[in-house]
Amino acid sequence: VQLQASGGGLVQSGGSLRLSCAALGSIFSGNVMGWFRQAPGKQRDLVARILSNGATIYGDSVKGRFTISGDNAKRTVYLQMNDLRPEDTAVYYCNLLMRGQEYWGQGTLVTVSS
């Protein structure tokens, strides 16, 4: 299983970005996909998760600004990030939980300038 993330970049405060993560390989139903982020010198934190039934979970700092969605046919999960703030600057990692195993993407850098 491989996770290919894309969509990071540099954006001004208040701007928007959309991240994508495509899952390649043998993907089974009942999995959970999501995004975490890690800023320099800080721990990796949950941004958002989407369950196989479509339910979503968000970290407190992004509620109301970020939206996670999935396309089962494309085995891709998206993270729409609006009203970005400098404190959102981090490396964003795609994550997959499947049959007791955890997988990580390579990370994509999001930089928000003030």
N, C-alpha and C. Protein backbone atom coordinates (compact mmCIF):
# COMPACT_ATOMS: atom_id res chain seq x y z
N VAL A 1 0.85 -1.20 0.00
CA VAL A 1 0.00 0.00 0.00
C VAL A 1 0.88 1.24 0.00
N GLN A 2 0.54 2.17 -0.87
CA GLN A 2 1.25 3.47 -0.91
C GLN A 2 0.24 4.60 -0.89
N LEU A 3 0.61 5.68 -0.23
CA LEU A 3 -0.21 6.88 -0.20
C LEU A 3 0.56 8.01 -0.88
N GLN A 4 -0.05 8.58 -1.90
CA GLN A 4 0.58 9.67 -2.64
C GLN A 4 -0.16 10.96 -2.37
N ALA A 5 0.49 11.86 -1.66
CA ALA A 5 -0.11 13.14 -1.30
C ALA A 5 0.38 14.24 -2.22
N SER A 6 -0.47 15.20 -2.46
CA SER A 6 -0.11 16.34 -3.29
C SER A 6 -0.96 17.54 -2.91
N GLY A 7 -0.54 18.72 -3.39
CA GLY A 7 -1.37 19.91 -3.21
C GLY A 7 -0.83 20.94 -2.24
N GLY A 8 0.28 20.66 -1.59
CA GLY A 8 0.83 21.65 -0.68
C GLY A 8 1.41 22.83 -1.43
N GLY A 9 1.81 23.85 -0.67
CA GLY A 9 2.41 25.01 -1.30
C GLY A 9 2.41 26.20 -0.37
N LEU A 10 2.67 27.36 -0.96
CA LEU A 10 2.72 28.62 -0.21
C LEU A 10 1.46 29.41 -0.50
N VAL A 11 0.83 29.91 0.56
CA VAL A 11 -0.39 30.68 0.40
C VAL A 11 -0.39 31.78 1.45
N GLN A 12 -1.06 32.86 1.13
CA GLN A 12 -1.17 33.96 2.09
C GLN A 12 -2.25 33.67 3.12
N SER A 13 -2.12 34.30 4.26
CA SER A 13 -3.12 34.16 5.32
C SER A 13 -4.50 34.52 4.77
N GLY A 14 -5.48 33.66 5.09
CA GLY A 14 -6.83 33.85 4.58
C GLY A 14 -7.11 33.11 3.30
N GLY A 15 -6.08 32.55 2.69
CA GLY A 15 -6.22 31.84 1.44
C GLY A 15 -6.66 30.41 1.62
N SER A 16 -6.70 29.68 0.50
CA SER A 16 -7.17 28.29 0.50
C SER A 16 -6.22 27.39 -0.26
N LEU A 17 -6.22 26.14 0.12
CA LEU A 17 -5.48 25.09 -0.59
C LEU A 17 -6.29 23.81 -0.49
N ARG A 18 -6.08 22.92 -1.45
CA ARG A 18 -6.70 21.60 -1.37
C ARG A 18 -5.62 20.54 -1.50
N LEU A 19 -5.57 19.66 -0.52
CA LEU A 19 -4.65 18.54 -0.55
C LEU A 19 -5.37 17.29 -1.05
N SER A 20 -4.63 16.45 -1.76
CA SER A 20 -5.17 15.18 -2.23
C SER A 20 -4.27 14.05 -1.78
N CYS A 21 -4.86 12.90 -1.55
CA CYS A 21 -4.09 11.71 -1.18
C CYS A 21 -4.71 10.52 -1.87
N ALA A 22 -3.95 9.89 -2.74
CA ALA A 22 -4.41 8.72 -3.46
C ALA A 22 -3.81 7.47 -2.84
N ALA A 23 -4.66 6.49 -2.58
CA ALA A 23 -4.22 5.21 -2.01
C ALA A 23 -4.02 4.21 -3.13
N LEU A 24 -2.81 3.66 -3.22
CA LEU A 24 -2.46 2.71 -4.28
C LEU A 24 -2.20 1.35 -3.66
N GLY A 25 -2.57 0.31 -4.39
CA GLY A 25 -2.35 -1.04 -3.90
C GLY A 25 -3.66 -1.69 -3.49
N SER A 26 -3.56 -2.69 -2.63
CA SER A 26 -4.74 -3.43 -2.18
C SER A 26 -5.42 -2.69 -1.04
N ILE A 27 -6.50 -2.03 -1.38
CA ILE A 27 -7.26 -1.25 -0.41
C ILE A 27 -8.57 -1.97 -0.13
N PHE A 28 -8.83 -2.26 1.14
CA PHE A 28 -10.03 -2.98 1.52
C PHE A 28 -11.04 -2.04 2.14
N SER A 29 -12.27 -2.44 2.16
CA SER A 29 -13.32 -1.61 2.73
C SER A 29 -13.17 -1.57 4.24
N GLY A 30 -13.89 -0.63 4.86
CA GLY A 30 -13.83 -0.51 6.30
C GLY A 30 -12.61 0.22 6.81
N ASN A 31 -11.94 0.96 5.95
CA ASN A 31 -10.74 1.66 6.40
C ASN A 31 -11.06 3.09 6.83
N VAL A 32 -10.06 3.73 7.39
CA VAL A 32 -10.17 5.11 7.83
C VAL A 32 -9.01 5.88 7.21
N MET A 33 -9.33 6.95 6.52
CA MET A 33 -8.27 7.79 5.94
C MET A 33 -8.31 9.16 6.59
N GLY A 34 -7.16 9.81 6.60
CA GLY A 34 -7.14 11.11 7.23
C GLY A 34 -5.87 11.87 6.98
N TRP A 35 -5.77 13.01 7.63
CA TRP A 35 -4.62 13.89 7.53
C TRP A 35 -4.14 14.26 8.93
N PHE A 36 -2.84 14.24 9.08
CA PHE A 36 -2.17 14.75 10.28
C PHE A 36 -1.22 15.84 9.82
N ARG A 37 -0.75 16.62 10.75
CA ARG A 37 0.24 17.64 10.42
C ARG A 37 1.27 17.76 11.54
N GLN A 38 2.45 18.19 11.13
CA GLN A 38 3.54 18.36 12.09
C GLN A 38 4.29 19.63 11.78
N ALA A 39 4.26 20.56 12.72
CA ALA A 39 5.02 21.79 12.59
C ALA A 39 6.40 21.58 13.20
N PRO A 40 7.38 22.38 12.81
CA PRO A 40 8.74 22.22 13.35
C PRO A 40 8.76 22.25 14.87
N GLY A 41 9.39 21.25 15.45
CA GLY A 41 9.52 21.21 16.91
C GLY A 41 8.28 20.78 17.65
N LYS A 42 7.24 20.37 16.92
CA LYS A 42 5.99 19.98 17.56
C LYS A 42 5.64 18.54 17.21
N GLN A 43 4.70 17.98 17.95
CA GLN A 43 4.27 16.61 17.68
C GLN A 43 3.33 16.59 16.48
N ARG A 44 3.15 15.40 15.95
CA ARG A 44 2.22 15.23 14.84
C ARG A 44 0.79 15.15 15.40
N ASP A 45 -0.08 16.00 14.87
CA ASP A 45 -1.44 16.10 15.38
C ASP A 45 -2.47 15.75 14.31
N LEU A 46 -3.60 15.26 14.76
CA LEU A 46 -4.70 14.97 13.87
C LEU A 46 -5.28 16.26 13.29
N VAL A 47 -5.50 16.26 11.98
CA VAL A 47 -6.22 17.35 11.32
C VAL A 47 -7.66 16.92 11.07
N ALA A 48 -7.81 15.81 10.38
CA ALA A 48 -9.15 15.33 10.06
C ALA A 48 -9.09 13.87 9.65
N ARG A 49 -10.18 13.17 9.88
CA ARG A 49 -10.32 11.78 9.45
C ARG A 49 -11.69 11.58 8.84
N ILE A 50 -11.76 10.62 7.90
CA ILE A 50 -13.03 10.24 7.32
C ILE A 50 -13.15 8.72 7.39
N LEU A 51 -14.26 8.26 7.95
CA LEU A 51 -14.49 6.83 8.09
C LEU A 51 -15.13 6.27 6.83
N SER A 52 -15.17 4.95 6.72
CA SER A 52 -15.72 4.32 5.53
C SER A 52 -17.20 4.61 5.37
N ASN A 53 -17.89 4.97 6.47
CA ASN A 53 -19.32 5.28 6.36
C ASN A 53 -19.55 6.77 6.07
N GLY A 54 -18.46 7.51 5.88
CA GLY A 54 -18.57 8.93 5.56
C GLY A 54 -18.50 9.86 6.76
N ALA A 55 -18.53 9.32 7.95
CA ALA A 55 -18.42 10.17 9.14
C ALA A 55 -17.05 10.83 9.19
N THR A 56 -17.02 12.04 9.72
CA THR A 56 -15.78 12.80 9.76
C THR A 56 -15.43 13.24 11.19
N ILE A 57 -14.15 13.39 11.41
CA ILE A 57 -13.63 13.85 12.70
C ILE A 57 -12.62 14.94 12.40
N TYR A 58 -12.65 16.03 13.18
CA TYR A 58 -11.73 17.14 12.96
C TYR A 58 -11.00 17.51 14.26
N GLY A 59 -9.77 17.97 14.08
CA GLY A 59 -9.07 18.56 15.20
C GLY A 59 -9.72 19.90 15.54
N ASP A 60 -9.66 20.27 16.80
CA ASP A 60 -10.35 21.48 17.25
C ASP A 60 -9.89 22.73 16.50
N SER A 61 -8.62 22.81 16.18
CA SER A 61 -8.08 24.03 15.58
C SER A 61 -8.51 24.25 14.14
N VAL A 62 -9.07 23.23 13.50
CA VAL A 62 -9.44 23.38 12.08
C VAL A 62 -10.94 23.29 11.85
N LYS A 63 -11.70 23.03 12.90
CA LYS A 63 -13.15 22.91 12.73
C LYS A 63 -13.73 24.20 12.15
N GLY A 64 -14.59 24.03 11.15
CA GLY A 64 -15.21 25.17 10.52
C GLY A 64 -14.39 25.79 9.39
N ARG A 65 -13.14 25.38 9.26
CA ARG A 65 -12.28 25.91 8.20
C ARG A 65 -11.84 24.84 7.20
N PHE A 66 -11.63 23.64 7.67
CA PHE A 66 -11.16 22.55 6.82
C PHE A 66 -12.30 21.56 6.61
N THR A 67 -12.30 20.93 5.44
CA THR A 67 -13.28 19.90 5.13
C THR A 67 -12.59 18.71 4.49
N ILE A 68 -12.83 17.53 5.05
CA ILE A 68 -12.27 16.30 4.47
C ILE A 68 -13.37 15.59 3.70
N SER A 69 -13.00 15.04 2.57
CA SER A 69 -13.96 14.30 1.76
C SER A 69 -13.22 13.16 1.06
N GLY A 70 -14.00 12.21 0.55
CA GLY A 70 -13.38 11.07 -0.09
C GLY A 70 -14.10 10.67 -1.36
N ASP A 71 -13.36 10.10 -2.27
CA ASP A 71 -13.91 9.56 -3.52
C ASP A 71 -13.54 8.09 -3.53
N ASN A 72 -14.49 7.23 -3.20
CA ASN A 72 -14.19 5.80 -3.09
C ASN A 72 -13.73 5.20 -4.42
N ALA A 73 -14.35 5.65 -5.52
CA ALA A 73 -13.99 5.10 -6.83
C ALA A 73 -12.53 5.40 -7.16
N LYS A 74 -12.07 6.57 -6.78
CA LYS A 74 -10.69 6.96 -7.06
C LYS A 74 -9.76 6.61 -5.91
N ARG A 75 -10.32 6.11 -4.81
CA ARG A 75 -9.53 5.77 -3.61
C ARG A 75 -8.68 6.97 -3.22
N THR A 76 -9.32 8.11 -3.21
CA THR A 76 -8.63 9.36 -2.93
C THR A 76 -9.38 10.12 -1.84
N VAL A 77 -8.62 10.75 -0.96
CA VAL A 77 -9.20 11.61 0.05
C VAL A 77 -8.67 13.02 -0.16
N TYR A 78 -9.52 14.00 0.09
CA TYR A 78 -9.18 15.39 -0.12
C TYR A 78 -9.30 16.16 1.20
N LEU A 79 -8.51 17.19 1.30
CA LEU A 79 -8.61 18.11 2.43
C LEU A 79 -8.70 19.53 1.88
N GLN A 80 -9.88 20.10 1.94
CA GLN A 80 -10.07 21.47 1.52
C GLN A 80 -9.79 22.37 2.72
N MET A 81 -8.82 23.26 2.58
CA MET A 81 -8.41 24.12 3.67
C MET A 81 -8.71 25.57 3.31
N ASN A 82 -9.60 26.17 4.06
CA ASN A 82 -9.98 27.56 3.84
C ASN A 82 -9.57 28.41 5.03
N ASP A 83 -9.52 29.71 4.80
CA ASP A 83 -9.16 30.66 5.87
C ASP A 83 -7.87 30.23 6.56
N LEU A 84 -6.87 29.93 5.76
CA LEU A 84 -5.61 29.45 6.31
C LEU A 84 -4.92 30.53 7.14
N ARG A 85 -4.25 30.09 8.17
CA ARG A 85 -3.56 30.98 9.12
C ARG A 85 -2.10 30.58 9.21
N PRO A 86 -1.24 31.49 9.61
CA PRO A 86 0.18 31.13 9.75
C PRO A 86 0.40 29.91 10.65
N GLU A 87 -0.42 29.73 11.64
CA GLU A 87 -0.26 28.58 12.54
C GLU A 87 -0.65 27.26 11.89
N ASP A 88 -1.20 27.31 10.68
CA ASP A 88 -1.48 26.08 9.92
C ASP A 88 -0.24 25.59 9.18
N THR A 89 0.81 26.38 9.19
CA THR A 89 2.05 25.97 8.52
C THR A 89 2.60 24.71 9.14
N ALA A 90 2.80 23.70 8.29
CA ALA A 90 3.26 22.39 8.76
C ALA A 90 3.45 21.47 7.56
N VAL A 91 4.06 20.33 7.83
CA VAL A 91 4.05 19.24 6.86
C VAL A 91 2.80 18.42 7.13
N TYR A 92 2.01 18.21 6.10
CA TYR A 92 0.77 17.48 6.21
C TYR A 92 0.97 16.06 5.68
N TYR A 93 0.56 15.09 6.50
CA TYR A 93 0.74 13.69 6.17
C TYR A 93 -0.61 13.01 5.99
N CYS A 94 -0.71 12.26 4.92
CA CYS A 94 -1.88 11.42 4.70
C CYS A 94 -1.72 10.14 5.53
N ASN A 95 -2.82 9.63 6.03
CA ASN A 95 -2.80 8.47 6.92
C ASN A 95 -3.92 7.51 6.56
N LEU A 96 -3.61 6.22 6.64
CA LEU A 96 -4.61 5.18 6.35
C LEU A 96 -4.55 4.13 7.46
N LEU A 97 -5.71 3.83 8.03
CA LEU A 97 -5.84 2.72 8.98
C LEU A 97 -6.65 1.63 8.28
N MET A 98 -6.06 0.44 8.19
CA MET A 98 -6.74 -0.63 7.46
C MET A 98 -6.32 -1.97 8.04
N ARG A 99 -7.31 -2.72 8.50
CA ARG A 99 -7.10 -4.07 9.03
C ARG A 99 -5.97 -4.10 10.06
N GLY A 100 -5.99 -3.13 10.95
CA GLY A 100 -5.02 -3.12 12.04
C GLY A 100 -3.65 -2.57 11.67
N GLN A 101 -3.48 -2.15 10.42
CA GLN A 101 -2.20 -1.59 9.98
C GLN A 101 -2.36 -0.10 9.74
N GLU A 102 -1.27 0.63 9.95
CA GLU A 102 -1.28 2.06 9.73
C GLU A 102 -0.25 2.41 8.66
N TYR A 103 -0.67 3.25 7.74
CA TYR A 103 0.18 3.64 6.62
C TYR A 103 0.26 5.17 6.57
N TRP A 104 1.43 5.66 6.12
CA TRP A 104 1.65 7.10 6.02
C TRP A 104 2.13 7.48 4.62
N GLY A 105 1.69 8.64 4.17
CA GLY A 105 2.20 9.21 2.95
C GLY A 105 3.51 9.95 3.23
N GLN A 106 4.08 10.52 2.17
CA GLN A 106 5.40 11.13 2.27
C GLN A 106 5.37 12.53 2.87
N GLY A 107 4.21 13.13 3.01
CA GLY A 107 4.13 14.47 3.56
C GLY A 107 4.20 15.53 2.48
N THR A 108 3.41 16.57 2.66
CA THR A 108 3.42 17.70 1.73
C THR A 108 3.42 18.98 2.57
N LEU A 109 4.29 19.92 2.21
CA LEU A 109 4.49 21.12 3.01
C LEU A 109 3.46 22.18 2.66
N VAL A 110 2.83 22.72 3.69
CA VAL A 110 1.92 23.85 3.56
C VAL A 110 2.53 25.01 4.34
N THR A 111 2.72 26.12 3.66
CA THR A 111 3.28 27.31 4.30
C THR A 111 2.31 28.46 4.12
N VAL A 112 1.92 29.06 5.24
CA VAL A 112 0.97 30.17 5.21
C VAL A 112 1.70 31.42 5.69
N SER A 113 1.79 32.39 4.81
CA SER A 113 2.48 33.63 5.15
C SER A 113 1.50 34.65 5.72
N SER A 114 2.00 35.47 6.61
CA SER A 114 1.12 36.48 7.25
C SER A 114 1.09 37.77 6.48
